[in-house]
């Protein structure tokens, strides 16, 4: 096997391994994405709106309190690379009030808000895998258009619940750019070339 063929195969194996780890981790996904990309990420909220009771009934939930759906992307601060497309369903009555206020006012990303407020939480992964771009849906099973340009591979996704007590406070569905590892490798190669 030629060196370039070996390197390509090794790169694909490494990418698959790291994406598998991303899909099963129940830790802070943003931290993992920042490590993979080797830079901080920022949140860009695409849409955020209060959910009505009819929508909540579609997923078997009802509440007298305000609940929000939030769609956002995480973007590398230096590279501008979109690493994830996220949909969150926030149940006000199961989320600490300081966190809910931060989310409602779009002050920062959910994970960073939890961390900066020092709120204890745990995550439970409920589903993960890979889908074709045209199969991507939101938490109400409605089709969505992912903010990843030039997709040629299946998209990894993870669905999980964030708990702050006995019931989930936030339902998350995250789609990850399948070429995040390739982006990092290109970054490292470019850095090597510029230092020579």
Protein backbone atom coordinates (compact mmCIF):
# COMPACT_ATOMS: atom_id res chain seq x y z
CA UNK A 1 0.00 0.00 0.00
CA UNK A 2 1.35 3.43 -0.93
CA UNK A 3 1.97 5.97 1.84
CA UNK A 4 -0.79 8.30 0.60
CA UNK A 5 -3.31 5.44 0.55
CA UNK A 6 -2.27 4.45 4.07
CA UNK A 7 -2.51 8.05 5.28
CA UNK A 8 -5.96 8.43 3.74
CA UNK A 9 -7.18 5.19 5.34
CA UNK A 10 -5.64 6.16 8.71
CA UNK A 11 -7.32 9.58 8.49
CA UNK A 12 -10.72 7.98 7.82
CA UNK A 13 -10.30 5.55 10.75
CA UNK A 14 -9.28 8.39 13.08
CA UNK A 15 -12.24 10.48 11.92
CA UNK A 16 -14.68 7.60 12.51
CA UNK A 17 -13.24 6.94 15.97
CA UNK A 18 -13.48 10.57 17.09
CA UNK A 19 -17.00 10.98 15.71
CA UNK A 20 -18.06 7.79 17.55
CA UNK A 21 -16.69 9.28 20.79
CA UNK A 22 -18.58 12.51 20.14
CA UNK A 23 -21.85 10.60 19.73
CA UNK A 24 -21.59 8.64 22.99
CA UNK A 25 -20.13 11.23 25.35
CA UNK A 26 -22.51 12.53 27.98
CA UNK A 27 -20.13 15.32 28.97
CA UNK A 28 -20.13 18.88 27.68
CA UNK A 29 -20.22 18.47 23.92
CA UNK A 30 -19.04 22.04 23.31
CA UNK A 31 -15.77 21.33 25.13
CA UNK A 32 -15.21 18.24 22.97
CA UNK A 33 -15.96 20.18 19.78
CA UNK A 34 -13.52 22.93 20.79
CA UNK A 35 -10.82 20.32 21.38
CA UNK A 36 -11.47 18.72 17.99
CA UNK A 37 -11.47 22.07 16.18
CA UNK A 38 -8.60 23.49 18.31
CA UNK A 39 -10.36 26.82 18.82
CA UNK A 40 -13.16 28.41 20.80
CA UNK A 41 -16.65 28.32 19.31
CA UNK A 42 -19.37 30.94 19.45
CA UNK A 43 -23.13 30.48 19.30
CA UNK A 44 -25.28 32.02 16.61
CA UNK A 45 -29.00 31.72 17.36
CA UNK A 46 -30.96 31.11 14.15
CA UNK A 47 -34.39 31.19 15.74
CA UNK A 48 -35.86 31.15 19.19
CA UNK A 49 -39.54 31.28 19.99
CA UNK A 50 -41.99 30.38 22.68
CA UNK A 51 -43.80 27.10 22.05
CA UNK A 52 -47.56 26.87 22.22
CA UNK A 53 -49.50 24.12 24.00
CA UNK A 54 -50.48 22.36 20.73
CA UNK A 55 -46.81 21.87 19.81
CA UNK A 56 -46.05 20.56 23.30
CA UNK A 57 -48.87 18.02 23.05
CA UNK A 58 -47.22 16.62 19.90
CA UNK A 59 -44.33 15.45 22.07
CA UNK A 60 -46.47 14.44 25.04
CA UNK A 61 -45.77 17.43 27.28
CA UNK A 62 -48.01 20.13 28.70
CA UNK A 63 -47.25 23.06 30.89
CA UNK A 64 -48.62 26.34 32.11
CA UNK A 65 -45.17 27.91 31.93
CA UNK A 66 -43.36 29.38 28.93
CA UNK A 67 -41.23 26.93 26.97
CA UNK A 68 -38.85 27.72 24.15
CA UNK A 69 -37.53 26.10 21.02
CA UNK A 70 -34.06 27.33 20.11
CA UNK A 71 -32.17 26.59 16.92
CA UNK A 72 -28.53 27.59 16.73
CA UNK A 73 -25.17 26.82 15.20
CA UNK A 74 -21.73 26.65 16.81
CA UNK A 75 -19.04 28.36 14.74
CA UNK A 76 -15.26 28.41 15.14
CA UNK A 77 -14.26 31.92 16.27
CA UNK A 78 -11.12 32.05 14.09
CA UNK A 79 -11.97 29.75 11.18
CA UNK A 80 -15.70 30.49 10.80
CA UNK A 81 -16.20 26.72 10.39
CA UNK A 82 -19.73 25.61 11.41
CA UNK A 83 -19.19 22.60 13.70
CA UNK A 84 -22.74 21.88 14.82
CA UNK A 85 -26.38 22.67 14.15
CA UNK A 86 -28.46 22.42 17.34
CA UNK A 87 -32.10 22.34 18.30
CA UNK A 88 -33.08 22.71 21.96
CA UNK A 89 -36.48 22.39 23.59
CA UNK A 90 -36.40 24.19 26.95
CA UNK A 91 -39.03 23.31 29.57
CA UNK A 92 -39.20 26.31 31.95
CA UNK A 93 -40.61 24.42 34.92
CA UNK A 94 -37.68 21.94 34.93
CA UNK A 95 -34.84 24.45 34.40
CA UNK A 96 -33.26 26.66 37.10
CA UNK A 97 -34.65 30.21 36.72
CA UNK A 98 -31.23 31.86 36.21
CA UNK A 99 -30.48 29.47 33.33
CA UNK A 100 -33.92 29.94 31.81
CA UNK A 101 -33.47 33.73 31.90
CA UNK A 102 -30.08 33.41 30.20
CA UNK A 103 -31.55 31.20 27.48
CA UNK A 104 -34.63 33.40 27.01
CA UNK A 105 -32.44 36.48 26.57
CA UNK A 106 -30.01 34.68 24.20
CA UNK A 107 -27.11 35.76 26.40
CA UNK A 108 -24.90 32.74 25.61
CA UNK A 109 -24.88 29.10 24.56
CA UNK A 110 -26.73 26.67 26.80
CA UNK A 111 -23.65 24.65 27.80
CA UNK A 112 -21.60 27.76 28.56
CA UNK A 113 -24.50 29.27 30.54
CA UNK A 114 -24.80 26.10 32.66
CA UNK A 115 -21.05 26.15 33.29
CA UNK A 116 -20.78 29.87 34.07
CA UNK A 117 -23.75 29.73 36.46
CA UNK A 118 -22.23 26.70 38.22
CA UNK A 119 -25.45 24.70 37.82
CA UNK A 120 -25.26 20.97 38.44
CA UNK A 121 -26.74 18.87 35.67
CA UNK A 122 -26.42 15.52 34.02
CA UNK A 123 -27.02 14.37 30.48
CA UNK A 124 -28.60 11.22 29.17
CA UNK A 125 -28.01 10.29 25.53
CA UNK A 126 -31.28 8.95 24.07
CA UNK A 127 -30.31 8.47 20.41
CA UNK A 128 -27.34 8.90 18.09
CA UNK A 129 -26.16 7.85 14.66
CA UNK A 130 -25.69 9.12 11.12
CA UNK A 131 -28.27 10.44 8.65
CA UNK A 132 -28.28 11.76 5.11
CA UNK A 133 -28.72 15.54 5.00
CA UNK A 134 -32.25 15.24 3.58
CA UNK A 135 -33.26 13.04 6.57
CA UNK A 136 -32.45 15.72 9.15
CA UNK A 137 -35.43 16.74 11.28
CA UNK A 138 -36.09 18.89 14.34
CA UNK A 139 -37.47 17.73 17.70
CA UNK A 140 -41.01 17.76 16.26
CA UNK A 141 -39.88 15.50 13.38
CA UNK A 142 -40.21 18.38 10.90
CA UNK A 143 -37.56 18.59 8.14
CA UNK A 144 -34.80 21.16 8.66
CA UNK A 145 -32.08 22.54 6.44
CA UNK A 146 -28.67 22.08 8.04
CA UNK A 147 -26.22 25.00 7.92
CA UNK A 148 -23.34 22.86 6.61
CA UNK A 149 -22.22 23.78 3.09
CA UNK A 150 -20.97 21.16 0.63
CA UNK A 151 -22.02 18.00 2.46
CA UNK A 152 -20.99 14.76 0.77
CA UNK A 153 -21.17 12.39 3.74
CA UNK A 154 -23.71 11.24 6.28
CA UNK A 155 -24.17 13.64 9.17
CA UNK A 156 -23.53 12.46 12.73
CA UNK A 157 -26.18 13.45 15.27
CA UNK A 158 -26.89 13.02 18.95
CA UNK A 159 -30.09 13.48 20.88
CA UNK A 160 -29.95 13.83 24.66
CA UNK A 161 -31.77 15.19 27.69
CA UNK A 162 -30.31 17.62 30.22
CA UNK A 163 -31.50 17.08 33.78
CA UNK A 164 -31.37 19.58 36.62
CA UNK A 165 -33.69 17.49 38.80
CA UNK A 166 -35.84 14.41 38.33
CA UNK A 167 -37.30 15.43 34.93
CA UNK A 168 -35.50 16.60 31.80
CA UNK A 169 -35.27 20.39 31.59
CA UNK A 170 -33.84 20.59 28.08
CA UNK A 171 -34.11 18.23 25.14
CA UNK A 172 -31.20 18.63 22.72
CA UNK A 173 -30.71 17.44 19.16
CA UNK A 174 -27.29 18.20 17.71
CA UNK A 175 -26.02 17.58 14.19
CA UNK A 176 -22.24 17.71 13.74
CA UNK A 177 -20.31 18.62 10.63
CA UNK A 178 -18.93 15.30 9.37
CA UNK A 179 -15.69 16.97 8.22
CA UNK A 180 -14.64 18.51 11.55
CA UNK A 181 -11.62 16.19 11.80
CA UNK A 182 -10.63 16.93 8.21
CA UNK A 183 -10.90 20.66 8.99
CA UNK A 184 -8.52 20.22 11.95
CA UNK A 185 -6.04 18.21 9.86
CA UNK A 186 -6.06 20.88 7.13
CA UNK A 187 -5.47 23.51 9.83
CA UNK A 188 -2.46 21.57 11.17
CA UNK A 189 -1.00 20.98 7.69
CA UNK A 190 -1.38 24.69 6.87
CA UNK A 191 0.33 25.60 10.15
CA UNK A 192 3.23 23.22 9.36
CA UNK A 193 3.66 24.68 5.87
CA UNK A 194 3.71 28.25 7.14
CA UNK A 195 6.32 27.48 9.81
CA UNK A 196 8.71 25.86 7.28
